[in-house]
Amino acid sequence: MYKFLVRPFLFLLDAERAHHLTFSLVRFLSKIGFSGVFKSLYTIEDKRLEREIFGLKFKNPVGLAAGFDKDALLYNQFSNFGFGFVEIGTLTPKPQEGNPKRRLFRLKADEAIINRMGFNNKGVFDAVERLKKEHHVLIGGNIGKNKVTSNDDAIKDYLICFDALFEHVDYFAINVSSPNTPGLRELQGKKPLMALLRELKKENVKYAKDKKEKPILLKIAPDLTDNQLLDIIQIVESTKIDGVIATNTTIERKNLKSDLVQTEEKGGLSGKPLKDRSTYVIRFLAERSNKAFPIIGVGGIHSPQDALEKLEAGADLIQLYTGFIYEGPSLIKRINRAILENHEKQN
């Protein structure tokens, strides 16, 4: 139904307007009692789908990637579509508008999206007010720095977000890899990244006190070289953070079928064109580290087979974003069903 009725209508609208309309529809339908309908249509409950990763138990390995529910508006509602976890954000200390509109573009021929949103969000403290409510799904908090904050002061921004969210999320994703905040990717350099992660680890110990520390994951770009990926492995092992999210959007524009005017829009590219590169990064990290840390695989997952490829390459969990937009919520159920079928074949 989604691909034949809902998507054609949404794709008539500007991409960002369609996103906001989708949120309004999900909120309205959930309020009038459709939550149970969504859950019965899209959720698979099966112990064999459960995963215990970095001390957390996930109902299933399919999550909603950061960027979709930036401000933690509908995390419970999205869990009814069958997601095993939802990652909110990217959140920054202060609210910010993000980059000027238009800033979100569909590349329909490539089943892709280009975005240059620029960490538009209402600020971490606004999100915290909603996160105080009971939630029925594991939540990751994706954090970044404000555009006006210099890289020299970036650690302060990450610490503010970390402290504010500590009691309200289940894990943290450290975003230093978005291409849409000027200079942000410079924080992926070995020296500044080590400094940032070490400070966050110290803060983790301080806030945890007698409780468990919160898992910290690093979200990396797909555009890193092999040598830079080797640095990432060393950094993860040295700082003892809990894992990696591979990958963010790409600045590459190779072999695209869409109109040249569209493909030259600035921003991060997500969707099918990213699939092979993100899988390569996952496999590289898993093999070269001898699977020393968990990996969340994201990038170009539009089918159950795409998801299985990520898992076979070394991902422990996966996330959807663009595939969710193009394929709809049935994709989550189809992936979970394929994982179960694959499990049966192997046993």
Protein backbone atom coordinates (compact mmCIF):
# COMPACT_ATOMS: atom_id res chain seq x y z
CA MET A 1 0.00 0.00 0.00
CA TYR A 2 2.78 2.45 0.93
CA LYS A 3 4.63 2.22 -2.41
CA PHE A 4 1.48 2.45 -4.51
CA LEU A 5 -0.63 4.95 -2.55
CA VAL A 6 1.29 6.82 0.14
CA ARG A 7 4.70 7.31 -1.49
CA PRO A 8 3.42 8.68 -4.83
CA PHE A 9 1.48 11.35 -2.94
CA LEU A 10 4.38 12.26 -0.64
CA PHE A 11 6.80 12.39 -3.58
CA LEU A 12 4.65 15.09 -5.21
CA LEU A 13 5.65 17.37 -2.35
CA ASP A 14 8.95 19.02 -1.51
CA ALA A 15 11.00 16.43 0.39
CA GLU A 16 11.23 18.37 3.66
CA ARG A 17 7.53 19.26 3.58
CA ALA A 18 6.69 15.59 2.97
CA HIS A 19 8.82 14.66 5.99
CA HIS A 20 6.87 16.99 8.27
CA LEU A 21 3.55 15.82 6.83
CA THR A 22 4.55 12.21 7.53
CA PHE A 23 5.19 13.10 11.17
CA SER A 24 1.79 14.81 11.42
CA LEU A 25 0.06 11.76 9.93
CA VAL A 26 1.85 9.27 12.18
CA ARG A 27 1.09 11.41 15.24
CA PHE A 28 -2.60 11.78 14.28
CA LEU A 29 -3.13 8.12 13.42
CA SER A 30 -1.42 7.02 16.63
CA LYS A 31 -3.64 9.32 18.70
CA ILE A 32 -6.84 7.85 17.24
CA GLY A 33 -5.81 4.30 17.99
CA PHE A 34 -3.79 3.10 15.00
CA SER A 35 -0.71 2.24 17.09
CA GLY A 36 -2.02 -1.29 17.60
CA VAL A 37 -2.79 -1.59 13.89
CA PHE A 38 0.74 -0.56 12.94
CA LYS A 39 2.18 -2.96 15.49
CA SER A 40 0.11 -5.90 14.23
CA LEU A 41 0.99 -5.13 10.61
CA TYR A 42 4.73 -4.57 10.91
CA THR A 43 6.13 -6.03 14.14
CA ILE A 44 7.58 -9.53 14.45
CA GLU A 45 8.07 -10.79 18.00
CA ASP A 46 10.58 -13.62 18.07
CA LYS A 47 13.31 -14.44 20.58
CA ARG A 48 15.62 -15.42 17.72
CA LEU A 49 15.68 -11.80 16.57
CA GLU A 50 16.96 -10.54 19.90
CA ARG A 51 20.52 -9.27 20.08
CA GLU A 52 22.59 -8.46 23.15
CA ILE A 53 25.15 -5.87 22.08
CA PHE A 54 27.32 -3.65 24.32
CA GLY A 55 25.23 -4.71 27.31
CA LEU A 56 21.85 -3.80 25.83
CA LYS A 57 19.14 -6.21 24.70
CA PHE A 58 17.62 -5.27 21.34
CA LYS A 59 14.25 -6.80 20.39
CA ASN A 60 15.54 -7.07 16.84
CA PRO A 61 18.59 -5.77 14.97
CA VAL A 62 16.79 -3.24 12.74
CA GLY A 63 16.91 0.37 13.91
CA LEU A 64 15.86 3.80 12.69
CA ALA A 65 18.94 5.88 11.90
CA ALA A 66 19.61 9.35 13.26
CA GLY A 67 18.32 12.27 11.23
CA PHE A 68 14.77 11.00 10.89
CA ASP A 69 13.42 11.82 14.37
CA LYS A 70 15.93 14.53 15.20
CA ASP A 71 13.99 16.10 18.07
CA ALA A 72 12.71 12.89 19.72
CA LEU A 73 9.15 13.65 18.69
CA LEU A 74 7.78 10.20 17.82
CA TYR A 75 10.20 7.53 19.03
CA ASN A 76 7.46 5.40 20.63
CA GLN A 77 5.27 5.68 17.55
CA PHE A 78 8.08 4.60 15.24
CA SER A 79 8.75 1.59 17.44
CA ASN A 80 5.27 0.38 16.43
CA PHE A 81 6.55 -0.03 12.86
CA GLY A 82 8.79 -2.82 14.10
CA PHE A 83 12.08 -1.06 14.80
CA GLY A 84 14.23 -2.67 17.47
CA PHE A 85 15.75 0.69 18.40
CA VAL A 86 15.49 4.36 17.43
CA GLU A 87 18.38 6.82 17.24
CA ILE A 88 17.36 10.43 17.80
CA GLY A 89 19.31 13.54 16.80
CA THR A 90 21.71 14.83 15.80
CA LEU A 91 21.16 17.11 18.80
CA THR A 92 23.24 20.19 19.65
CA PRO A 93 23.39 22.23 22.88
CA LYS A 94 21.59 25.26 21.44
CA PRO A 95 18.69 25.19 18.99
CA GLN A 96 19.68 25.96 15.42
CA GLU A 97 17.79 26.42 12.17
CA GLY A 98 20.27 24.53 10.04
CA ASN A 99 21.15 25.49 6.50
CA PRO A 100 18.90 27.62 4.26
CA LYS A 101 16.09 25.81 2.44
CA ARG A 102 15.84 24.01 0.02
CA ARG A 103 18.19 21.51 1.59
CA LEU A 104 16.68 18.06 1.03
CA PHE A 105 16.51 16.49 -2.44
CA ARG A 106 15.25 13.18 -3.80
CA LEU A 107 17.23 11.48 -6.55
CA LYS A 108 14.40 9.18 -7.64
CA ALA A 109 16.31 7.48 -10.46
CA ASP A 110 18.99 6.47 -7.95
CA GLU A 111 16.64 5.81 -5.01
CA ALA A 112 18.77 8.24 -3.07
CA ILE A 113 18.59 11.49 -1.13
CA ILE A 114 20.95 14.45 -0.85
CA ASN A 115 20.64 16.46 2.33
CA ARG A 116 22.43 19.50 3.67
CA MET A 117 20.17 20.00 6.66
CA GLY A 118 22.99 21.25 8.91
CA PHE A 119 21.98 19.78 12.29
CA ASN A 120 18.63 21.60 12.36
CA ASN A 121 17.13 20.84 15.78
CA LYS A 122 15.42 22.51 18.73
CA GLY A 123 18.32 21.82 21.06
CA VAL A 124 19.12 19.01 23.43
CA PHE A 125 17.18 20.39 26.40
CA ASP A 126 13.98 20.58 24.37
CA ALA A 127 14.37 16.91 23.40
CA VAL A 128 15.06 15.91 27.01
CA GLU A 129 11.59 17.11 28.06
CA ARG A 130 10.00 14.55 25.73
CA LEU A 131 12.49 11.82 26.61
CA LYS A 132 11.40 12.04 30.25
CA LYS A 133 8.23 10.23 29.19
CA GLU A 134 8.18 6.44 29.34
CA HIS A 135 9.53 4.81 26.21
CA HIS A 136 9.05 1.28 24.95
CA VAL A 137 12.08 1.06 22.68
CA LEU A 138 15.84 1.39 23.11
CA ILE A 139 16.94 4.92 22.23
CA GLY A 140 20.29 6.13 20.97
CA GLY A 141 21.28 9.76 21.41
CA ASN A 142 23.21 11.14 18.44
CA ILE A 143 25.10 14.28 19.47
CA GLY A 144 27.08 16.99 17.70
CA LYS A 145 28.28 20.56 17.99
CA ASN A 146 26.61 23.83 17.08
CA LYS A 147 27.67 25.42 13.82
CA VAL A 148 28.90 28.57 15.61
CA THR A 149 31.11 26.53 17.98
CA SER A 150 34.72 26.34 16.85
CA ASN A 151 36.46 22.99 16.65
CA ASP A 152 38.72 24.15 19.51
CA ASP A 153 35.62 24.32 21.72
CA ALA A 154 33.77 21.36 20.22
CA ILE A 155 34.39 19.09 23.21
CA LYS A 156 32.32 21.43 25.40
CA ASP A 157 29.30 21.04 23.11
CA TYR A 158 29.53 17.26 23.09
CA LEU A 159 29.84 17.20 26.89
CA ILE A 160 26.76 19.43 27.31
CA CYS A 161 24.70 17.06 25.15
CA PHE A 162 26.14 13.98 26.85
CA ASP A 163 25.33 15.28 30.33
CA ALA A 164 21.80 16.36 29.38
CA LEU A 165 20.92 13.03 27.74
CA PHE A 166 22.69 10.63 30.09
CA GLU A 167 19.61 9.65 32.11
CA HIS A 168 17.33 9.48 29.06
CA VAL A 169 19.04 7.44 26.33
CA ASP A 170 20.43 3.92 26.19
CA TYR A 171 23.55 4.64 24.13
CA PHE A 172 25.36 7.58 22.56
CA ALA A 173 26.38 8.11 18.93
CA ILE A 174 29.14 10.68 18.48
CA ASN A 175 28.65 12.44 15.16
CA VAL A 176 31.87 13.91 13.76
CA SER A 177 31.15 12.79 10.21
CA SER A 178 28.28 14.89 8.84
CA PRO A 179 29.41 16.81 5.74
CA ASN A 180 26.89 19.59 6.40
CA THR A 181 28.49 21.45 9.31
CA PRO A 182 31.60 23.34 8.18
CA GLY A 183 34.80 21.84 9.60
CA LEU A 184 33.05 19.05 11.50
CA ARG A 185 34.79 16.23 9.64
CA GLU A 186 38.14 17.65 10.73
CA LEU A 187 37.28 16.18 14.15
CA GLN A 188 37.75 12.72 12.61
CA GLY A 189 41.49 13.36 12.60
CA LYS A 190 43.33 11.11 15.01
CA LYS A 191 44.44 13.74 17.53
CA PRO A 192 41.15 15.70 17.94
CA LEU A 193 39.09 12.50 17.88
CA MET A 194 41.17 10.84 20.60
CA ALA A 195 40.84 13.97 22.75
CA LEU A 196 37.06 14.10 22.28
CA LEU A 197 36.44 10.44 23.00
CA ARG A 198 38.70 10.40 26.05
CA GLU A 199 36.81 13.33 27.56
CA LEU A 200 33.49 11.61 26.89
CA LYS A 201 34.76 8.41 28.50
CA LYS A 202 35.76 10.40 31.61
CA GLU A 203 32.32 11.99 31.69
CA ASN A 204 30.73 8.57 31.31
CA VAL A 205 32.53 7.28 34.40
CA LYS A 206 31.61 10.41 36.36
CA TYR A 207 27.90 10.28 35.52
CA ALA A 208 27.56 6.52 35.87
CA LYS A 209 28.82 6.49 39.47
CA ASP A 210 27.35 3.25 40.86
CA LYS A 211 25.30 2.63 37.70
CA LYS A 212 26.36 1.21 34.36
CA GLU A 213 28.20 3.43 31.94
CA LYS A 214 26.35 4.24 28.73
CA PRO A 215 27.75 2.69 25.53
CA ILE A 216 29.53 5.24 23.33
CA LEU A 217 29.67 4.67 19.57
CA LEU A 218 31.49 6.67 16.94
CA LYS A 219 29.67 7.46 13.68
CA ILE A 220 32.14 7.64 10.80
CA ALA A 221 32.08 8.83 7.19
CA PRO A 222 32.17 6.42 4.26
CA ASP A 223 34.78 8.61 2.58
CA LEU A 224 37.68 7.67 4.87
CA THR A 225 40.71 6.03 3.29
CA ASP A 226 41.91 2.59 4.36
CA ASN A 227 44.67 4.22 6.42
CA GLN A 228 42.13 6.42 8.14
CA LEU A 229 39.97 3.36 8.85
CA LEU A 230 43.00 1.70 10.42
CA ASP A 231 43.33 4.81 12.59
CA ILE A 232 39.67 4.43 13.60
CA ILE A 233 40.34 0.84 14.72
CA GLN A 234 43.30 2.02 16.78
CA ILE A 235 41.30 4.90 18.28
CA VAL A 236 38.41 2.62 19.27
CA GLU A 237 40.77 0.16 20.92
CA SER A 238 42.81 2.89 22.62
CA THR A 239 39.88 4.91 24.00
CA LYS A 240 37.86 1.76 24.77
CA ILE A 241 34.63 3.15 23.36
CA ASP A 242 31.97 0.56 22.62
CA GLY A 243 31.64 0.47 18.86
CA VAL A 244 31.27 2.17 15.49
CA ILE A 245 28.35 3.23 13.30
CA ALA A 246 29.33 2.78 9.66
CA THR A 247 28.47 4.90 7.83
CA ASN A 248 27.20 8.46 7.55
CA THR A 249 26.33 10.04 4.18
CA THR A 250 28.91 10.45 1.42
CA ILE A 251 30.17 13.48 -0.50
CA GLU A 252 30.97 11.25 -3.50
CA ARG A 253 28.78 11.49 -6.61
CA LYS A 254 29.89 8.48 -8.67
CA ASN A 255 27.76 6.67 -11.27
CA LEU A 256 24.51 8.48 -10.55
CA LYS A 257 21.61 8.29 -13.01
CA SER A 258 19.69 11.36 -11.89
CA ASP A 259 19.68 14.77 -13.52
CA LEU A 260 23.03 16.57 -13.31
CA VAL A 261 21.45 19.62 -11.67
CA GLN A 262 20.19 17.41 -8.83
CA THR A 263 23.36 15.42 -8.36
CA GLU A 264 25.44 18.59 -8.06
CA GLU A 265 23.49 19.79 -5.04
CA LYS A 266 25.83 20.11 -2.07
CA GLY A 267 25.35 17.83 0.92
CA GLY A 268 25.52 14.20 1.97
CA LEU A 269 24.25 11.48 -0.34
CA SER A 270 22.37 8.53 1.14
CA GLY A 271 20.47 5.59 -0.31
CA LYS A 272 21.30 2.89 -2.84
CA PRO A 273 24.48 4.52 -4.24
CA LEU A 274 26.02 4.27 -0.76
CA LYS A 275 25.31 0.55 -0.29
CA ASP A 276 28.54 -0.98 -1.57
CA ARG A 277 30.85 1.57 0.03
CA SER A 278 29.27 1.29 3.46
CA THR A 279 29.42 -2.51 3.24
CA TYR A 280 33.11 -2.26 2.31
CA VAL A 281 33.79 -0.08 5.37
CA ILE A 282 31.93 -2.52 7.65
CA ARG A 283 33.85 -5.51 6.29
CA PHE A 284 37.19 -3.67 6.49
CA LEU A 285 36.63 -2.69 10.14
CA ALA A 286 35.39 -6.16 11.12
CA GLU A 287 38.22 -8.05 9.42
CA ARG A 288 41.10 -5.72 10.27
CA SER A 289 40.07 -5.46 13.93
CA ASN A 290 39.36 -9.19 14.17
CA LYS A 291 35.83 -8.20 15.22
CA ALA A 292 37.16 -6.42 18.28
CA PHE A 293 34.10 -4.17 18.67
CA PRO A 294 30.43 -4.07 17.60
CA ILE A 295 29.42 -2.31 14.39
CA ILE A 296 26.07 -0.80 13.45
CA GLY A 297 25.75 -0.93 9.66
CA VAL A 298 23.85 1.78 7.82
CA GLY A 299 23.83 2.96 4.23
CA GLY A 300 21.82 1.86 1.21
CA ILE A 301 19.65 -0.81 2.80
CA HIS A 302 16.60 -1.04 0.52
CA SER A 303 15.88 -4.77 0.66
CA PRO A 304 16.25 -7.79 2.95
CA GLN A 305 19.22 -8.91 0.86
CA ASP A 306 20.95 -5.56 1.43
CA ALA A 307 20.46 -6.02 5.17
CA LEU A 308 21.82 -9.57 5.15
CA GLU A 309 24.89 -8.36 3.23
CA LYS A 310 25.61 -5.82 5.97
CA LEU A 311 25.22 -8.47 8.68
CA GLU A 312 27.40 -10.95 6.80
CA ALA A 313 30.05 -8.26 6.32
CA GLY A 314 30.33 -7.88 10.09
CA ALA A 315 27.51 -5.60 11.28
CA ASP A 316 25.88 -6.60 14.55
CA LEU A 317 22.91 -4.27 14.08
CA ILE A 318 21.64 -2.26 11.12
CA GLN A 319 19.81 1.03 10.63
CA LEU A 320 17.44 2.34 7.97
CA TYR A 321 16.85 5.87 6.74
CA THR A 322 16.53 6.37 2.98
CA GLY A 323 15.35 2.80 2.43
CA PHE A 324 12.56 3.45 4.94
CA ILE A 325 11.48 6.48 2.89
CA TYR A 326 11.52 4.64 -0.46
CA GLU A 327 10.24 1.23 0.67
CA GLY A 328 8.02 2.08 3.65
CA PRO A 329 7.56 0.29 6.98
CA SER A 330 7.04 -3.13 5.40
CA LEU A 331 10.82 -3.16 4.79
CA ILE A 332 11.44 -3.62 8.53
CA LYS A 333 9.20 -6.67 8.69
CA ARG A 334 10.67 -8.15 5.50
CA ILE A 335 14.21 -7.76 6.85
CA ASN A 336 13.35 -9.37 10.18
CA ARG A 337 11.59 -12.22 8.38
CA ALA A 338 14.65 -12.73 6.14
CA ILE A 339 16.91 -12.84 9.22
CA LEU A 340 14.71 -15.56 10.71
CA GLU A 341 14.71 -17.53 7.45
CA ASN A 342 18.48 -17.22 7.26
CA HIS A 343 18.72 -18.43 10.86
CA GLU A 344 16.64 -21.51 10.02
CA LYS A 345 18.85 -22.36 7.02
CA GLN A 346 21.99 -22.19 9.15
CA ASN A 347 20.60 -24.44 11.90
